[in-house]
Amino acid sequence: MLDDSLNSSIGAGEGFSHQPTYQLFLTLKYPGQIEDHQKLSLIGGIEELGDWNTPKVFLKHLKDDVWTLEKLLVTQKQYFMCKFAIVENEDDM
């Protein structure tokens, strides 16, 4: 249960949100090959993941076949759909 006592003196629309945030830390074992001109991306149906349109979240290669998010994903969505995709590296285009 969320504690609403912190917001009791703040009226609606005064800059404080009751909505919780969620942080996703992800590590993936991917044995496939990623070419130098490509990146491994996490895309999905929320704004933080590009709304299925534009890759915004990328993974970095740690060692062997282990990959992890380049930075922590923070969202207010408790549930969302996502998938991994190999995308062209924009720096090479």
N, C-alpha and C. Protein backbone atom coordinates (compact mmCIF):
# COMPACT_ATOMS: atom_id res chain seq x y z
N MET A 1 0.84 -1.18 0.00
CA MET A 1 0.00 0.00 0.00
C MET A 1 0.88 1.24 0.00
N LEU A 2 0.52 2.23 -0.78
CA LEU A 2 1.28 3.47 -0.85
C LEU A 2 0.89 4.39 0.29
N ASP A 3 1.84 5.14 0.80
CA ASP A 3 1.59 6.09 1.86
C ASP A 3 1.26 7.44 1.24
N ASP A 4 0.00 7.88 1.36
CA ASP A 4 -0.43 9.15 0.79
C ASP A 4 -0.20 10.32 1.73
N SER A 5 0.30 10.10 2.92
CA SER A 5 0.47 11.18 3.89
C SER A 5 1.47 12.23 3.43
N LEU A 6 2.41 11.85 2.56
CA LEU A 6 3.40 12.81 2.09
C LEU A 6 2.79 13.88 1.20
N ASN A 7 1.68 13.58 0.55
CA ASN A 7 1.06 14.51 -0.38
C ASN A 7 -0.19 15.16 0.18
N SER A 8 -0.46 15.03 1.45
CA SER A 8 -1.72 15.49 2.01
C SER A 8 -1.90 17.00 1.91
N SER A 9 -0.83 17.78 1.91
CA SER A 9 -0.97 19.23 1.86
C SER A 9 -0.86 19.80 0.44
N ILE A 10 -0.65 18.94 -0.54
CA ILE A 10 -0.48 19.40 -1.91
C ILE A 10 -1.76 19.15 -2.68
N GLY A 11 -2.28 20.20 -3.31
CA GLY A 11 -3.50 20.06 -4.10
C GLY A 11 -3.22 19.45 -5.45
N ALA A 12 -4.28 19.05 -6.14
CA ALA A 12 -4.15 18.44 -7.47
C ALA A 12 -3.48 19.41 -8.43
N GLY A 13 -2.58 18.90 -9.23
CA GLY A 13 -1.92 19.72 -10.24
C GLY A 13 -0.81 20.60 -9.73
N GLU A 14 -0.37 20.40 -8.49
CA GLU A 14 0.68 21.26 -7.93
C GLU A 14 2.06 20.63 -8.03
N GLY A 15 2.23 19.67 -8.94
CA GLY A 15 3.57 19.18 -9.23
C GLY A 15 4.03 17.94 -8.51
N PHE A 16 3.18 17.22 -7.84
CA PHE A 16 3.61 16.01 -7.17
C PHE A 16 2.73 14.86 -7.63
N SER A 17 3.35 13.78 -8.07
CA SER A 17 2.61 12.63 -8.59
C SER A 17 2.59 11.50 -7.57
N HIS A 18 1.41 10.87 -7.41
CA HIS A 18 1.27 9.72 -6.54
C HIS A 18 1.72 8.44 -7.24
N GLN A 19 1.92 8.51 -8.53
CA GLN A 19 2.20 7.31 -9.32
C GLN A 19 3.59 6.78 -9.01
N PRO A 20 3.69 5.49 -8.67
CA PRO A 20 5.01 4.92 -8.37
C PRO A 20 5.85 4.77 -9.64
N THR A 21 7.15 4.69 -9.47
CA THR A 21 8.03 4.42 -10.60
C THR A 21 8.66 3.05 -10.39
N TYR A 22 8.99 2.42 -11.51
CA TYR A 22 9.59 1.10 -11.50
C TYR A 22 10.93 1.17 -12.23
N GLN A 23 11.91 0.45 -11.72
CA GLN A 23 13.24 0.42 -12.31
C GLN A 23 13.53 -0.99 -12.81
N LEU A 24 13.97 -1.08 -14.04
CA LEU A 24 14.27 -2.38 -14.63
C LEU A 24 15.76 -2.50 -14.87
N PHE A 25 16.37 -3.46 -14.22
CA PHE A 25 17.76 -3.83 -14.47
C PHE A 25 17.71 -5.18 -15.16
N LEU A 26 18.34 -5.30 -16.30
CA LEU A 26 18.20 -6.50 -17.10
C LEU A 26 19.55 -7.01 -17.56
N THR A 27 19.74 -8.30 -17.43
CA THR A 27 20.91 -8.98 -17.98
C THR A 27 20.41 -10.13 -18.83
N LEU A 28 21.00 -10.30 -19.99
CA LEU A 28 20.54 -11.25 -20.98
C LEU A 28 21.71 -12.09 -21.48
N LYS A 29 21.47 -13.36 -21.68
CA LYS A 29 22.47 -14.21 -22.32
C LYS A 29 22.04 -14.39 -23.77
N TYR A 30 22.80 -13.83 -24.69
CA TYR A 30 22.48 -13.88 -26.12
C TYR A 30 23.70 -14.42 -26.85
N PRO A 31 23.63 -15.66 -27.36
CA PRO A 31 24.78 -16.28 -28.01
C PRO A 31 24.95 -15.89 -29.47
N GLY A 32 24.04 -15.10 -30.01
CA GLY A 32 24.11 -14.72 -31.42
C GLY A 32 25.18 -13.70 -31.71
N GLN A 33 25.40 -13.45 -32.97
CA GLN A 33 26.43 -12.51 -33.42
C GLN A 33 25.81 -11.13 -33.69
N ILE A 34 26.45 -10.09 -33.20
CA ILE A 34 26.06 -8.71 -33.48
C ILE A 34 27.21 -8.09 -34.29
N GLU A 35 26.91 -7.60 -35.47
CA GLU A 35 27.93 -6.99 -36.33
C GLU A 35 28.32 -5.62 -35.77
N ASP A 36 29.47 -5.10 -36.19
CA ASP A 36 29.95 -3.81 -35.72
C ASP A 36 28.99 -2.67 -36.02
N HIS A 37 28.23 -2.76 -37.10
CA HIS A 37 27.31 -1.69 -37.49
C HIS A 37 25.91 -1.88 -36.89
N GLN A 38 25.77 -2.81 -35.94
CA GLN A 38 24.49 -3.11 -35.32
C GLN A 38 24.55 -2.97 -33.80
N LYS A 39 23.36 -2.83 -33.21
CA LYS A 39 23.22 -2.78 -31.76
C LYS A 39 22.06 -3.69 -31.35
N LEU A 40 22.15 -4.22 -30.13
CA LEU A 40 21.05 -4.97 -29.55
C LEU A 40 20.18 -4.00 -28.77
N SER A 41 18.88 -3.98 -29.06
CA SER A 41 17.98 -3.01 -28.48
C SER A 41 16.81 -3.69 -27.80
N LEU A 42 16.24 -3.02 -26.81
CA LEU A 42 14.99 -3.43 -26.17
C LEU A 42 13.94 -2.42 -26.61
N ILE A 43 12.93 -2.86 -27.35
CA ILE A 43 11.87 -1.96 -27.81
C ILE A 43 10.54 -2.45 -27.25
N GLY A 44 9.57 -1.53 -27.17
CA GLY A 44 8.29 -1.95 -26.60
C GLY A 44 7.21 -0.90 -26.70
N GLY A 45 6.11 -1.21 -26.05
CA GLY A 45 4.90 -0.42 -26.15
C GLY A 45 4.76 0.68 -25.11
N ILE A 46 5.86 1.22 -24.62
CA ILE A 46 5.81 2.38 -23.72
C ILE A 46 6.77 3.44 -24.26
N GLU A 47 6.53 4.67 -23.86
CA GLU A 47 7.34 5.78 -24.37
C GLU A 47 8.83 5.57 -24.11
N GLU A 48 9.17 5.06 -22.94
CA GLU A 48 10.58 4.85 -22.57
C GLU A 48 11.28 3.85 -23.49
N LEU A 49 10.51 2.98 -24.15
CA LEU A 49 11.06 1.99 -25.08
C LEU A 49 10.76 2.33 -26.53
N GLY A 50 10.32 3.56 -26.79
CA GLY A 50 10.12 4.02 -28.16
C GLY A 50 8.76 3.75 -28.77
N ASP A 51 7.80 3.28 -27.98
CA ASP A 51 6.43 3.00 -28.49
C ASP A 51 6.44 2.18 -29.77
N TRP A 52 7.28 1.18 -29.84
CA TRP A 52 7.43 0.26 -30.98
C TRP A 52 7.98 0.94 -32.23
N ASN A 53 8.32 2.23 -32.16
CA ASN A 53 8.77 2.96 -33.36
C ASN A 53 10.27 3.20 -33.42
N THR A 54 10.80 3.84 -32.41
CA THR A 54 12.20 4.26 -32.43
C THR A 54 12.95 3.62 -31.27
N PRO A 55 13.98 2.84 -31.54
CA PRO A 55 14.76 2.25 -30.45
C PRO A 55 15.38 3.34 -29.58
N LYS A 56 15.17 3.25 -28.26
CA LYS A 56 15.72 4.21 -27.32
C LYS A 56 16.62 3.55 -26.27
N VAL A 57 16.43 2.25 -26.08
CA VAL A 57 17.16 1.53 -25.03
C VAL A 57 18.04 0.47 -25.69
N PHE A 58 19.32 0.51 -25.36
CA PHE A 58 20.27 -0.41 -25.97
C PHE A 58 20.98 -1.23 -24.90
N LEU A 59 21.51 -2.36 -25.32
CA LEU A 59 22.25 -3.22 -24.41
C LEU A 59 23.73 -3.17 -24.75
N LYS A 60 24.56 -3.36 -23.75
CA LYS A 60 26.00 -3.40 -23.99
C LYS A 60 26.51 -4.80 -23.67
N HIS A 61 27.54 -5.19 -24.38
CA HIS A 61 28.14 -6.50 -24.24
C HIS A 61 29.11 -6.48 -23.06
N LEU A 62 28.92 -7.39 -22.12
CA LEU A 62 29.81 -7.45 -20.96
C LEU A 62 30.95 -8.45 -21.19
N LYS A 63 30.64 -9.72 -21.31
CA LYS A 63 31.64 -10.75 -21.58
C LYS A 63 30.92 -11.99 -22.07
N ASP A 64 31.65 -12.82 -22.75
CA ASP A 64 31.07 -14.04 -23.32
C ASP A 64 29.78 -13.70 -24.06
N ASP A 65 28.67 -14.27 -23.64
CA ASP A 65 27.38 -14.02 -24.29
C ASP A 65 26.46 -13.16 -23.42
N VAL A 66 27.01 -12.45 -22.45
CA VAL A 66 26.20 -11.69 -21.49
C VAL A 66 26.07 -10.23 -21.92
N TRP A 67 24.82 -9.75 -21.93
CA TRP A 67 24.49 -8.37 -22.29
C TRP A 67 23.67 -7.75 -21.16
N THR A 68 23.76 -6.44 -20.99
CA THR A 68 22.98 -5.73 -19.98
C THR A 68 22.56 -4.37 -20.54
N LEU A 69 21.53 -3.78 -19.94
CA LEU A 69 21.09 -2.46 -20.38
C LEU A 69 22.20 -1.44 -20.19
N GLU A 70 22.35 -0.52 -21.15
CA GLU A 70 23.36 0.53 -21.03
C GLU A 70 23.08 1.43 -19.84
N LYS A 71 21.79 1.66 -19.56
CA LYS A 71 21.40 2.45 -18.39
C LYS A 71 20.09 1.89 -17.84
N LEU A 72 19.84 2.16 -16.59
CA LEU A 72 18.66 1.68 -15.90
C LEU A 72 17.39 2.20 -16.58
N LEU A 73 16.40 1.36 -16.78
CA LEU A 73 15.13 1.77 -17.37
C LEU A 73 14.19 2.14 -16.23
N VAL A 74 13.66 3.36 -16.26
CA VAL A 74 12.73 3.83 -15.24
C VAL A 74 11.42 4.17 -15.93
N THR A 75 10.31 3.64 -15.41
CA THR A 75 8.99 3.86 -16.00
C THR A 75 7.93 3.91 -14.90
N GLN A 76 6.78 4.47 -15.22
CA GLN A 76 5.65 4.44 -14.30
C GLN A 76 4.67 3.33 -14.67
N LYS A 77 4.99 2.58 -15.71
CA LYS A 77 4.14 1.47 -16.14
C LYS A 77 4.54 0.19 -15.41
N GLN A 78 3.56 -0.43 -14.76
CA GLN A 78 3.84 -1.67 -14.05
C GLN A 78 3.98 -2.85 -15.00
N TYR A 79 3.19 -2.84 -16.09
CA TYR A 79 3.23 -3.91 -17.08
C TYR A 79 3.39 -3.31 -18.47
N PHE A 80 4.18 -3.95 -19.31
CA PHE A 80 4.32 -3.52 -20.70
C PHE A 80 4.89 -4.67 -21.51
N MET A 81 4.66 -4.61 -22.82
CA MET A 81 5.20 -5.63 -23.72
C MET A 81 6.48 -5.10 -24.34
N CYS A 82 7.44 -5.99 -24.54
CA CYS A 82 8.69 -5.58 -25.16
C CYS A 82 9.31 -6.76 -25.88
N LYS A 83 10.31 -6.47 -26.69
CA LYS A 83 11.07 -7.51 -27.36
C LYS A 83 12.47 -6.99 -27.64
N PHE A 84 13.35 -7.90 -27.92
CA PHE A 84 14.72 -7.54 -28.28
C PHE A 84 14.80 -7.49 -29.79
N ALA A 85 15.59 -6.54 -30.28
CA ALA A 85 15.76 -6.40 -31.72
C ALA A 85 17.21 -6.01 -32.02
N ILE A 86 17.70 -6.49 -33.14
CA ILE A 86 19.01 -6.05 -33.63
C ILE A 86 18.74 -4.91 -34.60
N VAL A 87 19.30 -3.74 -34.32
CA VAL A 87 19.06 -2.55 -35.13
C VAL A 87 20.37 -2.00 -35.67
N GLU A 88 20.28 -1.24 -36.73
CA GLU A 88 21.46 -0.60 -37.31
C GLU A 88 21.95 0.50 -36.38
N ASN A 89 23.23 0.59 -36.18
CA ASN A 89 23.85 1.62 -35.36
C ASN A 89 23.72 2.96 -36.08
N GLU A 90 23.02 3.92 -35.46
CA GLU A 90 22.80 5.22 -36.09
C GLU A 90 24.12 5.97 -36.33
N ASP A 91 25.14 5.70 -35.53
CA ASP A 91 26.43 6.37 -35.70
C ASP A 91 27.08 6.01 -37.03
N ASP A 92 26.72 4.85 -37.57
CA ASP A 92 27.31 4.40 -38.84
C ASP A 92 26.49 4.79 -40.04
N MET A 93 25.38 5.45 -39.85
CA MET A 93 24.49 5.78 -40.98
C MET A 93 24.77 7.17 -41.50
